[in-house]
Each structure stands twice: as C-alpha cells, then as structure tokens.
Amino acid sequence: MQVPADQPAPEMPGGFAVLPQRWIVECTFAWLVRNRRLAKDWEGSNGWRFTAEVRHEAIDSH
C-alpha cells in the first residue's frame, strides 16, 4: 500500500481475533469430509460405519 508523503499512514487493526463459534462449524465440516464415504454409500460395510461412529464418539467425548 502506498501512502502519499503528506498523509499519515492509516491505522491497521492489530492482532488476531478468534471467532467464537467458527471452530464448531469447522469441526463439523471436517467430520463430514472425513466420513463422506458414508453419505453416498460408497462403502457399505459395517466395519466402516463402526469406525466412523467410534471416531465420532471419541471426538464428542472431549
């Protein structure tokens, strides 16, 4: 950004602010993407369903 010499530089907001609810949405999308094979029945074995359920419960228990 170029500022003319006769004007002061604009103040920029400092730091990083975490959005309070964003991480919940991010975790949900990440879980869905990890287990997307279950949404389309690409792999219909009970083993994959069980693995996904165990992973989901392990994440929810924290």
PDB file of N, CA and C in Angstrom:
ATOM      1  N   MET A   1       0.847  -1.164   0.000  1.00  0.00           N
ATOM      2  CA  MET A   1       0.000   0.000   0.000  1.00  0.00           C
ATOM      3  C   MET A   1       0.895   1.230   0.000  1.00  0.00           C
ATOM      4  N   GLN A   2       0.677   2.101  -0.921  1.00  0.00           N
ATOM      5  CA  GLN A   2       1.464   3.330  -0.988  1.00  0.00           C
ATOM      6  C   GLN A   2       0.628   4.488  -0.455  1.00  0.00           C
ATOM      7  N   VAL A   3       1.259   5.281   0.410  1.00  0.00           N
ATOM      8  CA  VAL A   3       0.602   6.447   1.001  1.00  0.00           C
ATOM      9  C   VAL A   3       1.402   7.670   0.599  1.00  0.00           C
ATOM     10  N   PRO A   4       0.730   8.729   0.123  1.00  0.00           N
ATOM     11  CA  PRO A   4       1.469   9.952  -0.198  1.00  0.00           C
ATOM     12  C   PRO A   4       2.222  10.469   1.021  1.00  0.00           C
ATOM     13  N   ALA A   5       3.348  11.116   0.783  1.00  0.00           N
ATOM     14  CA  ALA A   5       4.224  11.573   1.865  1.00  0.00           C
ATOM     15  C   ALA A   5       3.553  12.586   2.781  1.00  0.00           C
ATOM     16  N   ASP A   6       2.589  13.347   2.297  1.00  0.00           N
ATOM     17  CA  ASP A   6       1.968  14.373   3.137  1.00  0.00           C
ATOM     18  C   ASP A   6       0.823  13.829   3.988  1.00  0.00           C
ATOM     19  N   GLN A   7       0.483  12.540   3.850  1.00  0.00           N
ATOM     20  CA  GLN A   7      -0.578  11.944   4.656  1.00  0.00           C
ATOM     21  C   GLN A   7       0.014  10.908   5.608  1.00  0.00           C
ATOM     22  N   PRO A   8      -0.533  10.841   6.824  1.00  0.00           N
ATOM     23  CA  PRO A   8      -0.055   9.787   7.736  1.00  0.00           C
ATOM     24  C   PRO A   8      -0.571   8.416   7.270  1.00  0.00           C
ATOM     25  N   ALA A   9       0.146   7.391   7.624  1.00  0.00           N
ATOM     26  CA  ALA A   9      -0.263   6.031   7.270  1.00  0.00           C
ATOM     27  C   ALA A   9      -1.558   5.680   7.999  1.00  0.00           C
ATOM     28  N   PRO A  10      -2.468   4.982   7.360  1.00  0.00           N
ATOM     29  CA  PRO A  10      -3.716   4.601   8.033  1.00  0.00           C
ATOM     30  C   PRO A  10      -3.438   3.591   9.141  1.00  0.00           C
ATOM     31  N   GLU A  11      -4.264   3.657  10.173  1.00  0.00           N
ATOM     32  CA  GLU A  11      -4.106   2.712  11.285  1.00  0.00           C
ATOM     33  C   GLU A  11      -4.695   1.371  10.880  1.00  0.00           C
ATOM     34  N   MET A  12      -3.930   0.338  11.096  1.00  0.00           N
ATOM     35  CA  MET A  12      -4.371  -1.011  10.768  1.00  0.00           C
ATOM     36  C   MET A  12      -4.763  -1.712  12.064  1.00  0.00           C
ATOM     37  N   PRO A  13      -5.846  -2.492  12.036  1.00  0.00           N
ATOM     38  CA  PRO A  13      -6.204  -3.230  13.249  1.00  0.00           C
ATOM     39  C   PRO A  13      -5.119  -4.247  13.569  1.00  0.00           C
ATOM     40  N   GLY A  14      -4.765  -4.362  14.822  1.00  0.00           N
ATOM     41  CA  GLY A  14      -3.687  -5.269  15.207  1.00  0.00           C
ATOM     42  C   GLY A  14      -4.209  -6.560  15.786  1.00  0.00           C
ATOM     43  N   GLY A  15      -3.399  -7.565  15.715  1.00  0.00           N
ATOM     44  CA  GLY A  15      -3.715  -8.836  16.358  1.00  0.00           C
ATOM     45  C   GLY A  15      -4.640  -9.727  15.547  1.00  0.00           C
ATOM     46  N   PHE A  16      -4.972 -10.817  16.168  1.00  0.00           N
ATOM     47  CA  PHE A  16      -5.817 -11.827  15.550  1.00  0.00           C
ATOM     48  C   PHE A  16      -6.972 -12.107  16.488  1.00  0.00           C
ATOM     49  N   ALA A  17      -8.182 -12.053  15.991  1.00  0.00           N
ATOM     50  CA  ALA A  17      -9.358 -12.310  16.821  1.00  0.00           C
ATOM     51  C   ALA A  17     -10.005 -13.620  16.376  1.00  0.00           C
ATOM     52  N   VAL A  18     -10.187 -14.528  17.311  1.00  0.00           N
ATOM     53  CA  VAL A  18     -10.824 -15.806  17.021  1.00  0.00           C
ATOM     54  C   VAL A  18     -12.334 -15.610  17.052  1.00  0.00           C
ATOM     55  N   LEU A  19     -13.003 -16.086  16.026  1.00  0.00           N
ATOM     56  CA  LEU A  19     -14.454 -16.022  16.009  1.00  0.00           C
ATOM     57  C   LEU A  19     -14.983 -17.135  16.907  1.00  0.00           C
ATOM     58  N   PRO A  20     -15.897 -16.831  17.828  1.00  0.00           N
ATOM     59  CA  PRO A  20     -16.258 -17.787  18.874  1.00  0.00           C
ATOM     60  C   PRO A  20     -16.902 -19.087  18.387  1.00  0.00           C
ATOM     61  N   GLN A  21     -17.764 -19.051  17.404  1.00  0.00           N
ATOM     62  CA  GLN A  21     -18.471 -20.260  17.003  1.00  0.00           C
ATOM     63  C   GLN A  21     -17.889 -20.914  15.757  1.00  0.00           C
ATOM     64  N   ARG A  22     -16.914 -20.306  15.159  1.00  0.00           N
ATOM     65  CA  ARG A  22     -16.404 -20.819  13.891  1.00  0.00           C
ATOM     66  C   ARG A  22     -15.805 -22.219  14.030  1.00  0.00           C
ATOM     67  N   TRP A  23     -15.133 -22.497  15.136  1.00  0.00           N
ATOM     68  CA  TRP A  23     -14.470 -23.792  15.280  1.00  0.00           C
ATOM     69  C   TRP A  23     -15.475 -24.932  15.306  1.00  0.00           C
ATOM     70  N   ILE A  24     -16.696 -24.684  15.800  1.00  0.00           N
ATOM     71  CA  ILE A  24     -17.715 -25.736  15.820  1.00  0.00           C
ATOM     72  C   ILE A  24     -18.097 -26.111  14.390  1.00  0.00           C
ATOM     73  N   VAL A  25     -18.290 -25.104  13.563  1.00  0.00           N
ATOM     74  CA  VAL A  25     -18.643 -25.350  12.164  1.00  0.00           C
ATOM     75  C   VAL A  25     -17.501 -26.057  11.450  1.00  0.00           C
ATOM     76  N   GLU A  26     -16.274 -25.601  11.704  1.00  0.00           N
ATOM     77  CA  GLU A  26     -15.109 -26.215  11.059  1.00  0.00           C
ATOM     78  C   GLU A  26     -14.985 -27.688  11.444  1.00  0.00           C
ATOM     79  N   CYS A  27     -15.202 -28.007  12.717  1.00  0.00           N
ATOM     80  CA  CYS A  27     -15.107 -29.405  13.164  1.00  0.00           C
ATOM     81  C   CYS A  27     -16.187 -30.262  12.518  1.00  0.00           C
ATOM     82  N   THR A  28     -17.391 -29.700  12.408  1.00  0.00           N
ATOM     83  CA  THR A  28     -18.486 -30.447  11.794  1.00  0.00           C
ATOM     84  C   THR A  28     -18.182 -30.751  10.337  1.00  0.00           C
ATOM     85  N   PHE A  29     -17.723 -29.741   9.604  1.00  0.00           N
ATOM     86  CA  PHE A  29     -17.387 -29.962   8.199  1.00  0.00           C
ATOM     87  C   PHE A  29     -16.236 -30.953   8.060  1.00  0.00           C
ATOM     88  N   ALA A  30     -15.255 -30.860   8.941  1.00  0.00           N
ATOM     89  CA  ALA A  30     -14.122 -31.783   8.878  1.00  0.00           C
ATOM     90  C   ALA A  30     -14.592 -33.222   9.112  1.00  0.00           C
ATOM     91  N   TRP A  31     -15.504 -33.421  10.069  1.00  0.00           N
ATOM     92  CA  TRP A  31     -16.008 -34.764  10.333  1.00  0.00           C
ATOM     93  C   TRP A  31     -16.768 -35.293   9.124  1.00  0.00           C
ATOM     94  N   LEU A  32     -17.594 -34.440   8.516  1.00  0.00           N
ATOM     95  CA  LEU A  32     -18.356 -34.871   7.347  1.00  0.00           C
ATOM     96  C   LEU A  32     -17.445 -35.227   6.177  1.00  0.00           C
ATOM     97  N   VAL A  33     -16.395 -34.447   5.985  1.00  0.00           N
ATOM     98  CA  VAL A  33     -15.470 -34.718   4.886  1.00  0.00           C
ATOM     99  C   VAL A  33     -14.711 -36.015   5.144  1.00  0.00           C
ATOM    100  N   ARG A  34     -14.283 -36.240   6.398  1.00  0.00           N
ATOM    101  CA  ARG A  34     -13.564 -37.475   6.716  1.00  0.00           C
ATOM    102  C   ARG A  34     -14.438 -38.699   6.481  1.00  0.00           C
ATOM    103  N   ASN A  35     -15.745 -38.545   6.721  1.00  0.00           N
ATOM    104  CA  ASN A  35     -16.656 -39.680   6.617  1.00  0.00           C
ATOM    105  C   ASN A  35     -17.603 -39.546   5.430  1.00  0.00           C
ATOM    106  N   ARG A  36     -17.191 -38.859   4.392  1.00  0.00           N
ATOM    107  CA  ARG A  36     -18.074 -38.619   3.249  1.00  0.00           C
ATOM    108  C   ARG A  36     -18.449 -39.905   2.526  1.00  0.00           C
ATOM    109  N   ARG A  37     -17.642 -40.941   2.662  1.00  0.00           N
ATOM    110  CA  ARG A  37     -17.970 -42.209   2.007  1.00  0.00           C
ATOM    111  C   ARG A  37     -19.271 -42.771   2.568  1.00  0.00           C
ATOM    112  N   LEU A  38     -19.608 -42.429   3.813  1.00  0.00           N
ATOM    113  CA  LEU A  38     -20.833 -42.947   4.408  1.00  0.00           C
ATOM    114  C   LEU A  38     -22.063 -42.228   3.869  1.00  0.00           C
ATOM    115  N   ALA A  39     -21.909 -40.979   3.447  1.00  0.00           N
ATOM    116  CA  ALA A  39     -23.041 -40.203   2.967  1.00  0.00           C
ATOM    117  C   ALA A  39     -23.556 -40.731   1.629  1.00  0.00           C
ATOM    118  N   LYS A  40     -22.700 -41.297   0.831  1.00  0.00           N
ATOM    119  CA  LYS A  40     -23.083 -41.755  -0.501  1.00  0.00           C
ATOM    120  C   LYS A  40     -23.158 -43.274  -0.599  1.00  0.00           C
ATOM    121  N   ASP A  41     -22.939 -43.969   0.497  1.00  0.00           N
ATOM    122  CA  ASP A  41     -22.902 -45.434   0.497  1.00  0.00           C
ATOM    123  C   ASP A  41     -21.885 -45.981  -0.492  1.00  0.00           C
ATOM    124  N   TRP A  42     -20.757 -45.309  -0.598  1.00  0.00           N
ATOM    125  CA  TRP A  42     -19.697 -45.806  -1.463  1.00  0.00           C
ATOM    126  C   TRP A  42     -19.124 -47.097  -0.902  1.00  0.00           C
ATOM    127  N   GLU A  43     -19.034 -47.143   0.407  1.00  0.00           N
ATOM    128  CA  GLU A  43     -18.567 -48.356   1.065  1.00  0.00           C
ATOM    129  C   GLU A  43     -19.614 -48.714   2.102  1.00  0.00           C
ATOM    130  N   GLY A  44     -20.334 -49.753   1.868  1.00  0.00           N
ATOM    131  CA  GLY A  44     -21.460 -50.061   2.730  1.00  0.00           C
ATOM    132  C   GLY A  44     -21.179 -51.061   3.825  1.00  0.00           C
ATOM    133  N   SER A  45     -19.930 -51.427   4.034  1.00  0.00           N
ATOM    134  CA  SER A  45     -19.658 -52.441   5.045  1.00  0.00           C
ATOM    135  C   SER A  45     -19.875 -51.876   6.446  1.00  0.00           C
ATOM    136  N   ASN A  46     -20.258 -52.752   7.347  1.00  0.00           N
ATOM    137  CA  ASN A  46     -20.487 -52.337   8.729  1.00  0.00           C
ATOM    138  C   ASN A  46     -19.200 -51.921   9.416  1.00  0.00           C
ATOM    139  N   GLY A  47     -18.080 -52.431   8.953  1.00  0.00           N
ATOM    140  CA  GLY A  47     -16.798 -52.053   9.544  1.00  0.00           C
ATOM    141  C   GLY A  47     -16.518 -50.569   9.398  1.00  0.00           C
ATOM    142  N   TRP A  48     -16.781 -50.019   8.215  1.00  0.00           N
ATOM    143  CA  TRP A  48     -16.556 -48.581   8.010  1.00  0.00           C
ATOM    144  C   TRP A  48     -17.515 -47.753   8.848  1.00  0.00           C
ATOM    145  N   ARG A  49     -18.760 -48.195   8.940  1.00  0.00           N
ATOM    146  CA  ARG A  49     -19.734 -47.457   9.758  1.00  0.00           C
ATOM    147  C   ARG A  49     -19.310 -47.472  11.224  1.00  0.00           C
ATOM    148  N   PHE A  50     -18.883 -48.621  11.687  1.00  0.00           N
ATOM    149  CA  PHE A  50     -18.446 -48.729  13.077  1.00  0.00           C
ATOM    150  C   PHE A  50     -17.240 -47.837  13.338  1.00  0.00           C
ATOM    151  N   THR A  51     -16.279 -47.838  12.410  1.00  0.00           N
ATOM    152  CA  THR A  51     -15.086 -46.995  12.560  1.00  0.00           C
ATOM    153  C   THR A  51     -15.469 -45.528  12.637  1.00  0.00           C
ATOM    154  N   ALA A  52     -16.374 -45.098  11.783  1.00  0.00           N
ATOM    155  CA  ALA A  52     -16.807 -43.700  11.786  1.00  0.00           C
ATOM    156  C   ALA A  52     -17.529 -43.353  13.083  1.00  0.00           C
ATOM    157  N   GLU A  53     -18.375 -44.253  13.573  1.00  0.00           N
ATOM    158  CA  GLU A  53     -19.098 -43.995  14.813  1.00  0.00           C
ATOM    159  C   GLU A  53     -18.142 -43.897  15.999  1.00  0.00           C
ATOM    160  N   VAL A  54     -17.164 -44.781  16.057  1.00  0.00           N
ATOM    161  CA  VAL A  54     -16.190 -44.751  17.151  1.00  0.00           C
ATOM    162  C   VAL A  54     -15.400 -43.453  17.113  1.00  0.00           C
ATOM    163  N   ARG A  55     -14.966 -43.047  15.931  1.00  0.00           N
ATOM    164  CA  ARG A  55     -14.215 -41.799  15.791  1.00  0.00           C
ATOM    165  C   ARG A  55     -15.074 -40.608  16.218  1.00  0.00           C
ATOM    166  N   HIS A  56     -16.333 -40.613  15.798  1.00  0.00           N
ATOM    167  CA  HIS A  56     -17.238 -39.517  16.147  1.00  0.00           C
ATOM    168  C   HIS A  56     -17.457 -39.452  17.658  1.00  0.00           C
ATOM    169  N   GLU A  57     -17.679 -40.587  18.291  1.00  0.00           N
ATOM    170  CA  GLU A  57     -17.891 -40.616  19.740  1.00  0.00           C
ATOM    171  C   GLU A  57     -16.632 -40.196  20.493  1.00  0.00           C
ATOM    172  N   ALA A  58     -15.467 -40.578  19.990  1.00  0.00           N
ATOM    173  CA  ALA A  58     -14.217 -40.191  20.649  1.00  0.00           C
ATOM    174  C   ALA A  58     -14.034 -38.682  20.602  1.00  0.00           C
ATOM    175  N   ILE A  59     -14.401 -38.066  19.490  1.00  0.00           N
ATOM    176  CA  ILE A  59     -14.283 -36.612  19.366  1.00  0.00           C
ATOM    177  C   ILE A  59     -15.291 -35.928  20.274  1.00  0.00           C
ATOM    178  N   ASP A  60     -16.526 -36.439  20.320  1.00  0.00           N
ATOM    179  CA  ASP A  60     -17.571 -35.824  21.142  1.00  0.00           C
ATOM    180  C   ASP A  60     -17.303 -35.960  22.634  1.00  0.00           C
ATOM    181  N   SER A  61     -16.562 -36.977  23.038  1.00  0.00           N
ATOM    182  CA  SER A  61     -16.331 -37.194  24.468  1.00  0.00           C
ATOM    183  C   SER A  61     -15.356 -36.193  25.071  1.00  0.00           C
ATOM    184  N   HIS A  62     -14.611 -35.478  24.231  1.00  0.00           N
ATOM    185  CA  HIS A  62     -13.661 -34.490  24.761  1.00  0.00           C
ATOM    186  C   HIS A  62     -14.380 -33.285  25.163  1.00  0.00           C
TER     187      HIS A  62
END
